[in-house]
Protein backbone atom coordinates (compact mmCIF):
# COMPACT_ATOMS: atom_id res chain seq x y z
CA UNK A 1 190.43 -92.28 -83.86
CA UNK A 2 189.58 -93.49 -87.34
CA UNK A 3 189.67 -97.20 -88.26
CA UNK A 4 190.10 -98.63 -91.76
CA UNK A 5 190.92 -102.03 -93.15
CA UNK A 6 194.51 -102.28 -94.38
CA UNK A 7 194.36 -102.25 -98.15
CA UNK A 8 196.45 -103.76 -100.88
CA UNK A 9 197.31 -102.22 -104.24
CA UNK A 10 198.07 -104.09 -107.40
CA UNK A 11 201.59 -103.27 -108.51
CA UNK A 12 200.24 -102.80 -112.05
CA UNK A 13 197.45 -100.44 -110.89
CA UNK A 14 197.99 -96.70 -110.59
CA UNK A 15 198.89 -95.37 -107.15
CA UNK A 16 195.71 -94.69 -105.24
CA UNK A 17 193.73 -97.52 -106.84
CA UNK A 18 193.28 -99.64 -103.74
CA UNK A 19 191.37 -102.84 -103.15
CA UNK A 20 190.58 -104.82 -100.00
CA UNK A 21 192.22 -108.13 -99.16
CA UNK A 22 190.26 -110.77 -101.09
CA UNK A 23 187.67 -112.58 -98.95
CA UNK A 24 188.88 -115.94 -97.73
CA UNK A 25 192.53 -115.07 -98.30
CA UNK A 26 194.85 -114.74 -95.34
CA UNK A 27 196.86 -111.58 -94.80
CA UNK A 28 200.09 -113.55 -95.30
CA UNK A 29 198.89 -115.18 -98.52
CA UNK A 30 197.76 -111.83 -99.94
CA UNK A 31 201.11 -110.23 -99.17
CA UNK A 32 202.92 -113.11 -100.87
CA UNK A 33 201.11 -112.74 -104.20
CA UNK A 34 203.59 -111.46 -106.80
CA UNK A 35 201.05 -109.02 -108.29
CA UNK A 36 200.12 -107.51 -104.91
CA UNK A 37 202.10 -105.12 -102.76
CA UNK A 38 201.45 -104.48 -99.07
CA UNK A 39 200.29 -100.88 -98.91
CA UNK A 40 199.83 -99.85 -95.32
CA UNK A 41 202.63 -97.41 -96.08
CA UNK A 42 201.11 -96.54 -99.47
CA UNK A 43 197.83 -95.62 -97.77
CA UNK A 44 199.75 -93.11 -95.67
CA UNK A 45 201.57 -91.78 -98.74
CA UNK A 46 198.37 -91.45 -100.79
CA UNK A 47 196.71 -89.61 -97.92
CA UNK A 48 199.69 -87.26 -97.60
CA UNK A 49 200.68 -88.56 -94.18
CA UNK A 50 203.97 -90.25 -95.09
CA UNK A 51 207.06 -88.11 -95.31
CA UNK A 52 210.75 -88.87 -95.54
CA UNK A 53 212.41 -88.52 -92.16
CA UNK A 54 209.46 -89.80 -90.15
CA UNK A 55 210.20 -92.29 -87.37
CA UNK A 56 208.46 -95.66 -87.74
CA UNK A 57 208.35 -98.61 -85.31
CA UNK A 58 207.37 -101.97 -86.83
CA UNK A 59 206.75 -105.12 -84.75
CA UNK A 60 207.47 -108.63 -86.05
CA UNK A 61 209.40 -107.04 -88.88
CA UNK A 62 212.50 -109.13 -89.45
CA UNK A 63 210.73 -111.33 -92.01
CA UNK A 64 207.46 -111.72 -93.92
CA UNK A 65 204.86 -108.96 -94.07
CA UNK A 66 206.63 -106.98 -91.36
CA UNK A 67 209.90 -106.96 -93.27
CA UNK A 68 208.21 -105.89 -96.51
CA UNK A 69 206.48 -103.09 -94.60
CA UNK A 70 209.69 -101.97 -92.85
CA UNK A 71 211.58 -102.00 -96.15
CA UNK A 72 208.87 -99.90 -97.79
CA UNK A 73 209.18 -97.29 -95.05
CA UNK A 74 212.99 -97.36 -95.41
CA UNK A 75 212.65 -96.89 -99.18
CA UNK A 76 210.42 -93.88 -98.51
CA UNK A 77 213.22 -92.30 -96.47
CA UNK A 78 211.83 -93.01 -93.01
CA UNK A 79 213.85 -93.85 -89.90
CA UNK A 80 212.78 -97.39 -89.01
CA UNK A 81 213.00 -99.38 -85.78
CA UNK A 82 212.27 -103.10 -86.13
CA UNK A 83 211.28 -105.41 -83.25
CA UNK A 84 211.24 -109.19 -83.61
CA UNK A 85 211.97 -112.31 -81.54
CA UNK A 86 213.74 -114.20 -84.34
CA UNK A 87 217.40 -113.35 -83.67
CA UNK A 88 218.71 -114.77 -86.95
CA UNK A 89 216.11 -112.96 -89.06
CA UNK A 90 216.77 -109.77 -87.07
CA UNK A 91 220.51 -110.11 -87.72
CA UNK A 92 219.83 -110.67 -91.43
CA UNK A 93 217.59 -107.58 -91.50
CA UNK A 94 220.23 -105.48 -89.74
CA UNK A 95 222.89 -106.66 -92.21
CA UNK A 96 220.67 -105.73 -95.15
CA UNK A 97 219.63 -102.40 -93.59
CA UNK A 98 222.41 -101.08 -91.34
CA UNK A 99 220.64 -97.73 -90.94
CA UNK A 100 217.64 -99.31 -89.21
CA UNK A 101 217.43 -99.86 -85.46
CA UNK A 102 216.60 -103.37 -84.29
CA UNK A 103 215.48 -104.90 -81.00
CA UNK A 104 215.24 -108.58 -80.11
CA UNK A 105 212.02 -108.72 -78.14
CA UNK A 106 209.00 -110.80 -77.24
CA UNK A 107 206.07 -108.47 -77.99
CA UNK A 108 204.01 -110.21 -75.31
CA UNK A 109 206.44 -109.04 -72.60
CA UNK A 110 205.11 -105.66 -71.50
CA UNK A 111 208.31 -104.86 -69.63
CA UNK A 112 210.37 -105.43 -72.79
CA UNK A 113 207.96 -103.20 -74.72
CA UNK A 114 208.30 -100.54 -72.02
CA UNK A 115 212.11 -100.79 -72.36
CA UNK A 116 211.87 -100.08 -76.12
CA UNK A 117 209.81 -96.96 -75.47
CA UNK A 118 212.02 -95.87 -72.55
CA UNK A 119 215.00 -96.02 -74.92
CA UNK A 120 213.01 -94.13 -77.57
CA UNK A 121 212.22 -91.40 -75.05
CA UNK A 122 215.90 -91.17 -74.03
CA UNK A 123 216.71 -90.55 -77.73
CA UNK A 124 214.20 -87.72 -77.96
CA UNK A 125 210.82 -89.44 -77.90
CA UNK A 126 209.97 -89.02 -81.58
CA UNK A 127 207.50 -91.48 -83.19
CA UNK A 128 205.30 -90.82 -86.21
CA UNK A 129 204.06 -94.29 -87.18
CA UNK A 130 203.55 -97.51 -85.22
CA UNK A 131 202.96 -100.68 -87.22
CA UNK A 132 201.61 -103.35 -84.84
CA UNK A 133 202.26 -106.28 -87.15
CA UNK A 134 202.91 -109.06 -84.61
CA UNK A 135 200.61 -112.06 -84.65
CA UNK A 136 200.67 -115.83 -84.44
CA UNK A 137 198.31 -118.49 -85.74
CA UNK A 138 197.88 -120.01 -82.30
CA UNK A 139 196.45 -123.43 -81.56
CA UNK A 140 194.47 -125.05 -84.36
CA UNK A 141 192.80 -127.96 -82.65
CA UNK A 142 189.37 -128.44 -81.10
CA UNK A 143 188.90 -126.44 -77.90
CA UNK A 144 189.30 -129.47 -75.68
CA UNK A 145 192.75 -130.07 -77.16
CA UNK A 146 194.07 -126.56 -76.53
CA UNK A 147 196.16 -126.02 -73.44
CA UNK A 148 195.52 -122.90 -71.37
CA UNK A 149 199.17 -121.95 -71.92
CA UNK A 150 198.82 -122.06 -75.72
CA UNK A 151 195.55 -120.10 -75.55
CA UNK A 152 197.06 -117.41 -73.30
CA UNK A 153 200.18 -117.11 -75.49
CA UNK A 154 197.99 -116.46 -78.53
CA UNK A 155 195.98 -113.81 -76.67
CA UNK A 156 199.18 -112.18 -75.38
CA UNK A 157 200.78 -111.96 -78.85
CA UNK A 158 197.68 -111.20 -80.94
CA UNK A 159 195.88 -108.85 -78.56
CA UNK A 160 197.82 -107.76 -75.52
CA UNK A 161 201.00 -106.88 -77.43
CA UNK A 162 199.07 -104.43 -79.59
CA UNK A 163 197.80 -102.76 -76.44
CA UNK A 164 201.30 -102.68 -74.88
CA UNK A 165 202.70 -100.84 -77.91
CA UNK A 166 199.71 -98.53 -78.42
CA UNK A 167 199.56 -97.44 -74.76
CA UNK A 168 203.14 -96.20 -74.99
CA UNK A 169 202.96 -94.81 -78.56
CA UNK A 170 199.77 -92.74 -78.14
CA UNK A 171 201.16 -90.25 -75.57
CA UNK A 172 204.29 -89.72 -77.69
CA UNK A 173 202.23 -89.12 -80.83
CA UNK A 174 199.79 -86.82 -79.04
CA UNK A 175 202.64 -84.75 -77.63
CA UNK A 176 203.82 -84.13 -81.21
CA UNK A 177 200.40 -83.32 -82.66
CA UNK A 178 199.40 -86.76 -83.95
CA UNK A 179 200.62 -89.86 -85.71
CA UNK A 180 199.47 -93.07 -87.35
CA UNK A 181 199.06 -96.59 -86.02
CA UNK A 182 198.65 -99.56 -88.32
CA UNK A 183 197.10 -102.38 -86.34
CA UNK A 184 197.06 -105.72 -88.12
CA UNK A 185 194.16 -105.24 -90.56
CA UNK A 186 193.11 -101.81 -89.30
CA UNK A 187 194.88 -98.49 -89.39
CA UNK A 188 194.33 -95.67 -87.00
CA UNK A 189 194.93 -91.97 -87.38
CA UNK A 190 195.58 -90.22 -84.10
CA UNK A 191 194.85 -86.51 -84.08
CA UNK A 192 195.66 -84.37 -81.09
């Protein structure tokens, strides 16, 4: 497996001219800059790994960075499945993109994640790209003010959910000769 930091590309810069997220800037803030485009998908395209018709699963994708990423894959001609726990945003996404599949799901619920992959396998088990985008800010108080429940919820969403999706995606990708996983600020190329 190969790990890289997710890169951004200036919209005005030529394709392939990539730069890292500026130090001290959050992922969300960088994606919101008008002169910057999220390029997890562009990285795949530049490296020759993105093709129209590929199947892509994006978590936390009904709004924000996830939505921009899902829309970029849709624009590239990919089949996209979006998971999110915001029902209204998911409904809005589905209305804007009727060709995409959507699932209302809590990414921290491993049984719900298993159900998504069970359904995927019933439809033929094809997956080329997994974008593990889900994440929450979590508690922002001194340690003594953080409840164990808030701490565990943050760990479940920001860490465990990525494992839940990866553990089910890897065997599918391996069975087809490989695939790509974009994990928060790292991307992974899986070769068989």
